[in-house]
PDB file of N, CA and C in Angstrom:
ATOM      1  N   MET A   1     -10.263 -10.241 -22.458  1.00  0.00           N
ATOM      2  CA  MET A   1      -9.603 -12.018 -21.231  1.00  0.00           C
ATOM      3  C   MET A   1     -10.202 -12.918 -22.448  1.00  0.00           C
ATOM      4  N   LYS A   2     -10.240 -14.609 -21.921  1.00  0.00           N
ATOM      5  CA  LYS A   2      -9.971 -15.864 -22.661  1.00  0.00           C
ATOM      6  C   LYS A   2     -10.752 -16.773 -21.838  1.00  0.00           C
ATOM      7  N   LYS A   3     -11.954 -16.413 -21.992  1.00  0.00           N
ATOM      8  CA  LYS A   3     -12.652 -16.682 -20.792  1.00  0.00           C
ATOM      9  C   LYS A   3     -11.895 -18.798 -21.829  1.00  0.00           C
ATOM     10  N   GLN A   4     -11.355 -19.421 -20.282  1.00  0.00           N
ATOM     11  CA  GLN A   4     -11.212 -21.174 -20.671  1.00  0.00           C
ATOM     12  C   GLN A   4     -11.706 -22.053 -19.781  1.00  0.00           C
ATOM     13  N   GLU A   5     -12.673 -22.893 -20.750  1.00  0.00           N
ATOM     14  CA  GLU A   5     -13.285 -24.450 -19.702  1.00  0.00           C
ATOM     15  C   GLU A   5     -13.132 -25.413 -19.266  1.00  0.00           C
ATOM     16  N   LEU A   6     -13.658 -25.512 -17.836  1.00  0.00           N
ATOM     17  CA  LEU A   6     -12.221 -25.980 -16.886  1.00  0.00           C
ATOM     18  C   LEU A   6     -12.695 -27.784 -17.365  1.00  0.00           C
ATOM     19  N   ASN A   7     -13.291 -28.507 -18.269  1.00  0.00           N
ATOM     20  CA  ASN A   7     -13.657 -29.724 -18.266  1.00  0.00           C
ATOM     21  C   ASN A   7     -13.128 -30.658 -17.799  1.00  0.00           C
ATOM     22  N   ASN A   8     -11.691 -30.677 -16.313  1.00  0.00           N
ATOM     23  CA  ASN A   8     -10.755 -31.569 -16.265  1.00  0.00           C
ATOM     24  C   ASN A   8     -11.360 -32.193 -14.801  1.00  0.00           C
ATOM     25  N   ILE A   9     -11.468 -32.973 -14.221  1.00  0.00           N
ATOM     26  CA  ILE A   9     -12.264 -32.854 -12.307  1.00  0.00           C
ATOM     27  C   ILE A   9     -10.307 -32.708 -11.876  1.00  0.00           C
ATOM     28  N   GLU A  10      -9.422 -32.441 -12.168  1.00  0.00           N
ATOM     29  CA  GLU A  10      -8.067 -33.610 -12.112  1.00  0.00           C
ATOM     30  C   GLU A  10      -7.593 -31.122 -11.679  1.00  0.00           C
ATOM     31  N   THR A  11      -7.895 -30.217 -12.505  1.00  0.00           N
ATOM     32  CA  THR A  11      -7.973 -28.807 -12.393  1.00  0.00           C
ATOM     33  C   THR A  11      -8.699 -28.850 -11.206  1.00  0.00           C
ATOM     34  N   TYR A  12     -10.395 -28.727 -11.091  1.00  0.00           N
ATOM     35  CA  TYR A  12     -10.949 -28.704  -9.563  1.00  0.00           C
ATOM     36  C   TYR A  12     -10.119 -29.359  -8.380  1.00  0.00           C
ATOM     37  N   GLN A  13     -10.158 -31.045  -8.639  1.00  0.00           N
ATOM     38  CA  GLN A  13      -9.287 -31.198  -7.637  1.00  0.00           C
ATOM     39  C   GLN A  13      -7.972 -30.732  -7.074  1.00  0.00           C
ATOM     40  N   ASN A  14      -7.405 -30.157  -7.766  1.00  0.00           N
ATOM     41  CA  ASN A  14      -5.628 -29.796  -7.331  1.00  0.00           C
ATOM     42  C   ASN A  14      -6.323 -27.682  -6.761  1.00  0.00           C
ATOM     43  N   ALA A  15      -7.913 -27.319  -7.405  1.00  0.00           N
ATOM     44  CA  ALA A  15      -7.419 -26.639  -7.256  1.00  0.00           C
ATOM     45  C   ALA A  15      -8.149 -26.163  -5.524  1.00  0.00           C
ATOM     46  N   ALA A  16      -9.462 -27.474  -5.048  1.00  0.00           N
ATOM     47  CA  ALA A  16      -9.964 -27.358  -3.637  1.00  0.00           C
ATOM     48  C   ALA A  16      -8.546 -28.239  -3.725  1.00  0.00           C
ATOM     49  N   PHE A  17      -7.439 -29.081  -3.403  1.00  0.00           N
ATOM     50  CA  PHE A  17      -6.438 -29.260  -2.458  1.00  0.00           C
ATOM     51  C   PHE A  17      -5.487 -28.423  -2.014  1.00  0.00           C
ATOM     52  N   TYR A  18      -5.336 -27.510  -3.509  1.00  0.00           N
ATOM     53  CA  TYR A  18      -4.489 -26.373  -2.736  1.00  0.00           C
ATOM     54  C   TYR A  18      -5.496 -24.571  -1.922  1.00  0.00           C
ATOM     55  N   THR A  19      -6.072 -24.727  -1.790  1.00  0.00           N
ATOM     56  CA  THR A  19      -7.173 -23.345  -1.395  1.00  0.00           C
ATOM     57  C   THR A  19      -7.477 -23.811   0.259  1.00  0.00           C
ATOM     58  N   SER A  20      -7.185 -24.956   0.861  1.00  0.00           N
ATOM     59  CA  SER A  20      -7.534 -25.818   1.559  1.00  0.00           C
ATOM     60  C   SER A  20      -6.385 -25.406   1.995  1.00  0.00           C
ATOM     61  N   VAL A  21      -4.914 -25.642   1.420  1.00  0.00           N
ATOM     62  CA  VAL A  21      -3.469 -25.664   2.319  1.00  0.00           C
ATOM     63  C   VAL A  21      -3.478 -23.699   2.202  1.00  0.00           C
ATOM     64  N   PHE A  22      -3.715 -23.045   1.457  1.00  0.00           N
ATOM     65  CA  PHE A  22      -3.312 -21.550   1.599  1.00  0.00           C
ATOM     66  C   PHE A  22      -4.068 -21.711   2.969  1.00  0.00           C
ATOM     67  N   SER A  23      -4.907 -21.763   3.569  1.00  0.00           N
ATOM     68  CA  SER A  23      -6.463 -21.403   3.885  1.00  0.00           C
ATOM     69  C   SER A  23      -5.208 -22.162   5.646  1.00  0.00           C
ATOM     70  N   LYS A  24      -5.683 -23.178   5.557  1.00  0.00           N
ATOM     71  CA  LYS A  24      -4.630 -23.691   6.997  1.00  0.00           C
ATOM     72  C   LYS A  24      -3.839 -23.053   7.318  1.00  0.00           C
ATOM     73  N   ALA A  25      -2.546 -22.082   5.585  1.00  0.00           N
ATOM     74  CA  ALA A  25      -2.082 -21.501   6.427  1.00  0.00           C
ATOM     75  C   ALA A  25      -2.310 -19.881   6.759  1.00  0.00           C
ATOM     76  N   VAL A  26      -3.361 -19.761   6.256  1.00  0.00           N
ATOM     77  CA  VAL A  26      -3.306 -18.267   6.886  1.00  0.00           C
ATOM     78  C   VAL A  26      -4.026 -18.580   8.213  1.00  0.00           C
ATOM     79  N   ARG A  27      -4.570 -19.656   8.057  1.00  0.00           N
ATOM     80  CA  ARG A  27      -5.382 -19.271  10.118  1.00  0.00           C
ATOM     81  C   ARG A  27      -4.003 -20.127  10.416  1.00  0.00           C
ATOM     82  N   LYS A  28      -2.798 -20.673  10.452  1.00  0.00           N
ATOM     83  CA  LYS A  28      -1.945 -19.948  11.132  1.00  0.00           C
ATOM     84  C   LYS A  28      -1.068 -18.961  11.635  1.00  0.00           C
ATOM     85  N   ALA A  29      -1.025 -18.908   9.812  1.00  0.00           N
ATOM     86  CA  ALA A  29      -0.168 -17.190  10.731  1.00  0.00           C
ATOM     87  C   ALA A  29      -0.978 -15.962  11.511  1.00  0.00           C
ATOM     88  N   LYS A  30      -2.450 -16.319  11.414  1.00  0.00           N
ATOM     89  CA  LYS A  30      -3.035 -15.369  12.362  1.00  0.00           C
ATOM     90  C   LYS A  30      -2.992 -15.242  13.593  1.00  0.00           C
ATOM     91  N   GLU A  31      -3.014 -17.056  13.919  1.00  0.00           N
ATOM     92  CA  GLU A  31      -2.698 -17.705  15.673  1.00  0.00           C
ATOM     93  C   GLU A  31      -1.207 -17.540  15.879  1.00  0.00           C
ATOM     94  N   ILE A  32       0.299 -17.278  14.734  1.00  0.00           N
ATOM     95  CA  ILE A  32       1.043 -17.047  15.466  1.00  0.00           C
ATOM     96  C   ILE A  32       0.834 -15.159  15.629  1.00  0.00           C
ATOM     97  N   ASN A  33       0.225 -14.384  15.225  1.00  0.00           N
ATOM     98  CA  ASN A  33       0.704 -12.742  14.695  1.00  0.00           C
ATOM     99  C   ASN A  33       0.580 -12.426  15.913  1.00  0.00           C
ATOM    100  N   THR A  34      -1.098 -13.174  16.526  1.00  0.00           N
ATOM    101  CA  THR A  34      -2.104 -13.197  17.432  1.00  0.00           C
ATOM    102  C   THR A  34      -1.396 -13.773  18.842  1.00  0.00           C
ATOM    103  N   LYS A  35      -0.721 -14.362  19.189  1.00  0.00           N
ATOM    104  CA  LYS A  35       0.966 -15.009  20.769  1.00  0.00           C
ATOM    105  C   LYS A  35       1.856 -14.234  20.313  1.00  0.00           C
ATOM    106  N   ASN A  36       1.780 -13.532  18.825  1.00  0.00           N
ATOM    107  CA  ASN A  36       2.700 -13.384  19.497  1.00  0.00           C
ATOM    108  C   ASN A  36       2.266 -11.498  19.807  1.00  0.00           C
ATOM    109  N   GLY A  37       1.376 -10.748  20.344  1.00  0.00           N
ATOM    110  CA  GLY A  37       0.873  -9.531  19.895  1.00  0.00           C
ATOM    111  C   GLY A  37       0.968  -8.954  18.666  1.00  0.00           C
ATOM    112  N   LEU A  38       0.629  -9.162  17.804  1.00  0.00           N
ATOM    113  CA  LEU A  38       0.743  -8.978  16.115  1.00  0.00           C
ATOM    114  C   LEU A  38      -0.917  -8.651  15.747  1.00  0.00           C
ATOM    115  N   PRO A  39      -1.341  -7.654  15.433  1.00  0.00           N
ATOM    116  CA  PRO A  39      -1.993  -7.570  14.808  1.00  0.00           C
ATOM    117  C   PRO A  39      -2.808  -8.073  13.334  1.00  0.00           C
ATOM    118  N   ASN A  40      -4.084  -8.776  12.851  1.00  0.00           N
ATOM    119  CA  ASN A  40      -4.095  -9.612  12.073  1.00  0.00           C
ATOM    120  C   ASN A  40      -5.286  -8.552  10.530  1.00  0.00           C
ATOM    121  N   ASP A  41      -5.033  -7.756   9.515  1.00  0.00           N
ATOM    122  CA  ASP A  41      -5.505  -7.292   8.975  1.00  0.00           C
ATOM    123  C   ASP A  41      -6.259  -7.948   7.561  1.00  0.00           C
ATOM    124  N   PHE A  42      -6.691  -7.657   7.275  1.00  0.00           N
ATOM    125  CA  PHE A  42      -8.327  -7.814   6.636  1.00  0.00           C
ATOM    126  C   PHE A  42      -8.880  -7.065   5.113  1.00  0.00           C
ATOM    127  N   VAL A  43      -9.438  -6.781   4.199  1.00  0.00           N
ATOM    128  CA  VAL A  43     -10.326  -5.976   3.459  1.00  0.00           C
ATOM    129  C   VAL A  43     -11.088  -5.616   2.963  1.00  0.00           C
ATOM    130  N   ILE A  44     -12.515  -5.607   3.715  1.00  0.00           N
ATOM    131  CA  ILE A  44     -14.011  -4.716   3.189  1.00  0.00           C
ATOM    132  C   ILE A  44     -13.548  -3.658   2.211  1.00  0.00           C
ATOM    133  N   ASN A  45     -14.405  -3.884   0.917  1.00  0.00           N
ATOM    134  CA  ASN A  45     -14.212  -3.317   0.414  1.00  0.00           C
ATOM    135  C   ASN A  45     -13.011  -1.888   0.051  1.00  0.00           C
ATOM    136  N   GLY A  46     -12.591  -2.349  -0.212  1.00  0.00           N
ATOM    137  CA  GLY A  46     -11.542  -1.288  -0.746  1.00  0.00           C
ATOM    138  C   GLY A  46     -10.604  -0.643   0.951  1.00  0.00           C
ATOM    139  N   LYS A  47     -11.063  -1.270   2.033  1.00  0.00           N
ATOM    140  CA  LYS A  47     -10.638  -0.135   2.999  1.00  0.00           C
ATOM    141  C   LYS A  47     -10.736  -1.370   4.148  1.00  0.00           C
ATOM    142  N   THR A  48      -8.728  -1.233   4.638  1.00  0.00           N
ATOM    143  CA  THR A  48      -8.547  -2.643   5.387  1.00  0.00           C
ATOM    144  C   THR A  48      -8.284  -1.629   7.400  1.00  0.00           C
ATOM    145  N   PHE A  49      -8.495  -3.323   7.964  1.00  0.00           N
ATOM    146  CA  PHE A  49      -9.143  -3.600   9.034  1.00  0.00           C
ATOM    147  C   PHE A  49      -8.378  -3.964   9.467  1.00  0.00           C
ATOM    148  N   TYR A  50      -8.139  -3.603  11.035  1.00  0.00           N
ATOM    149  CA  TYR A  50      -7.098  -4.334  11.531  1.00  0.00           C
ATOM    150  C   TYR A  50      -8.230  -5.014  13.103  1.00  0.00           C
ATOM    151  N   GLN A  51      -7.201  -5.946  13.215  1.00  0.00           N
ATOM    152  CA  GLN A  51      -7.728  -7.016  14.042  1.00  0.00           C
ATOM    153  C   GLN A  51      -7.074  -7.525  14.989  1.00  0.00           C
ATOM    154  N   LEU A  52      -6.883  -6.539  16.325  1.00  0.00           N
ATOM    155  CA  LEU A  52      -5.483  -6.539  17.106  1.00  0.00           C
ATOM    156  C   LEU A  52      -5.729  -7.755  18.138  1.00  0.00           C
ATOM    157  N   PRO A  53      -4.724  -8.407  18.686  1.00  0.00           N
ATOM    158  CA  PRO A  53      -4.722  -9.144  19.970  1.00  0.00           C
ATOM    159  C   PRO A  53      -6.120  -9.381  20.766  1.00  0.00           C
ATOM    160  N   ASN A  54      -6.122  -8.547  21.312  1.00  0.00           N
ATOM    161  CA  ASN A  54      -7.632  -8.482  22.590  1.00  0.00           C
ATOM    162  C   ASN A  54      -9.516  -8.696  21.367  1.00  0.00           C
ATOM    163  N   GLY A  55      -8.850  -9.022  19.690  1.00  0.00           N
ATOM    164  CA  GLY A  55      -9.961  -9.224  19.532  1.00  0.00           C
ATOM    165  C   GLY A  55     -10.470  -7.564  18.810  1.00  0.00           C
ATOM    166  N   GLU A  56     -10.348  -6.346  19.464  1.00  0.00           N
ATOM    167  CA  GLU A  56     -10.892  -5.290  19.195  1.00  0.00           C
ATOM    168  C   GLU A  56     -10.147  -5.328  17.223  1.00  0.00           C
ATOM    169  N   ILE A  57     -11.339  -4.578  16.943  1.00  0.00           N
ATOM    170  CA  ILE A  57     -11.301  -3.973  15.434  1.00  0.00           C
ATOM    171  C   ILE A  57     -10.676  -2.742  15.659  1.00  0.00           C
ATOM    172  N   THR A  58      -9.904  -2.614  15.038  1.00  0.00           N
ATOM    173  CA  THR A  58     -10.365  -0.542  13.897  1.00  0.00           C
ATOM    174  C   THR A  58      -9.457  -0.381  12.668  1.00  0.00           C
ATOM    175  N   ASP A  59      -9.692   0.688  12.187  1.00  0.00           N
ATOM    176  CA  ASP A  59      -9.486   0.921  11.441  1.00  0.00           C
ATOM    177  C   ASP A  59      -7.894   1.995  10.781  1.00  0.00           C
ATOM    178  N   LYS A  60      -6.634   1.644  12.025  1.00  0.00           N
ATOM    179  CA  LYS A  60      -6.072   2.539  12.540  1.00  0.00           C
ATOM    180  C   LYS A  60      -5.220   1.453  12.054  1.00  0.00           C
ATOM    181  N   ASN A  61      -4.204   2.167  11.583  1.00  0.00           N
ATOM    182  CA  ASN A  61      -3.224   0.894  11.990  1.00  0.00           C
ATOM    183  C   ASN A  61      -2.133   0.962  13.093  1.00  0.00           C
ATOM    184  N   PRO A  62      -2.625  -0.624  13.781  1.00  0.00           N
ATOM    185  CA  PRO A  62      -1.003   0.114  15.276  1.00  0.00           C
ATOM    186  C   PRO A  62       0.034  -0.197  14.643  1.00  0.00           C
ATOM    187  N   LEU A  63       0.372  -0.589  14.127  1.00  0.00           N
ATOM    188  CA  LEU A  63       1.790  -0.666  14.463  1.00  0.00           C
ATOM    189  C   LEU A  63       2.089   1.381  13.409  1.00  0.00           C
ATOM    190  N   LYS A  64       1.760   1.617  13.209  1.00  0.00           N
ATOM    191  CA  LYS A  64       1.847   3.078  11.842  1.00  0.00           C
ATOM    192  C   LYS A  64       2.405   4.146  13.542  1.00  0.00           C
ATOM    193  N   GLU A  65       3.486   5.003  13.178  1.00  0.00           N
ATOM    194  CA  GLU A  65       3.536   5.708  14.577  1.00  0.00           C
ATOM    195  C   GLU A  65       2.432   7.583  14.272  1.00  0.00           C
ATOM    196  N   ASP A  66       2.327   7.442  13.399  1.00  0.00           N
ATOM    197  CA  ASP A  66       1.786   8.508  13.615  1.00  0.00           C
ATOM    198  C   ASP A  66       0.163   8.977  13.107  1.00  0.00           C
ATOM    199  N   ASN A  67      -0.556   8.005  13.834  1.00  0.00           N
ATOM    200  CA  ASN A  67      -2.033   7.890  13.211  1.00  0.00           C
ATOM    201  C   ASN A  67      -2.929   9.036  13.840  1.00  0.00           C
TER     202      ASN A  67
END
């Protein structure tokens, strides 16, 4: 893979803008999930975890019936 030089300040500004927009969207989606009683999932070192609406964290998928 060829490494590209990013010397244009506009490129960094765009990256910061989109990072901010996407971060806000993820935060909002997590809030909506919690309000609707759905877990939020995340991955650490390749392992999936779920944060339940009550704040508990588990590695068992709460939406899957055969845990």
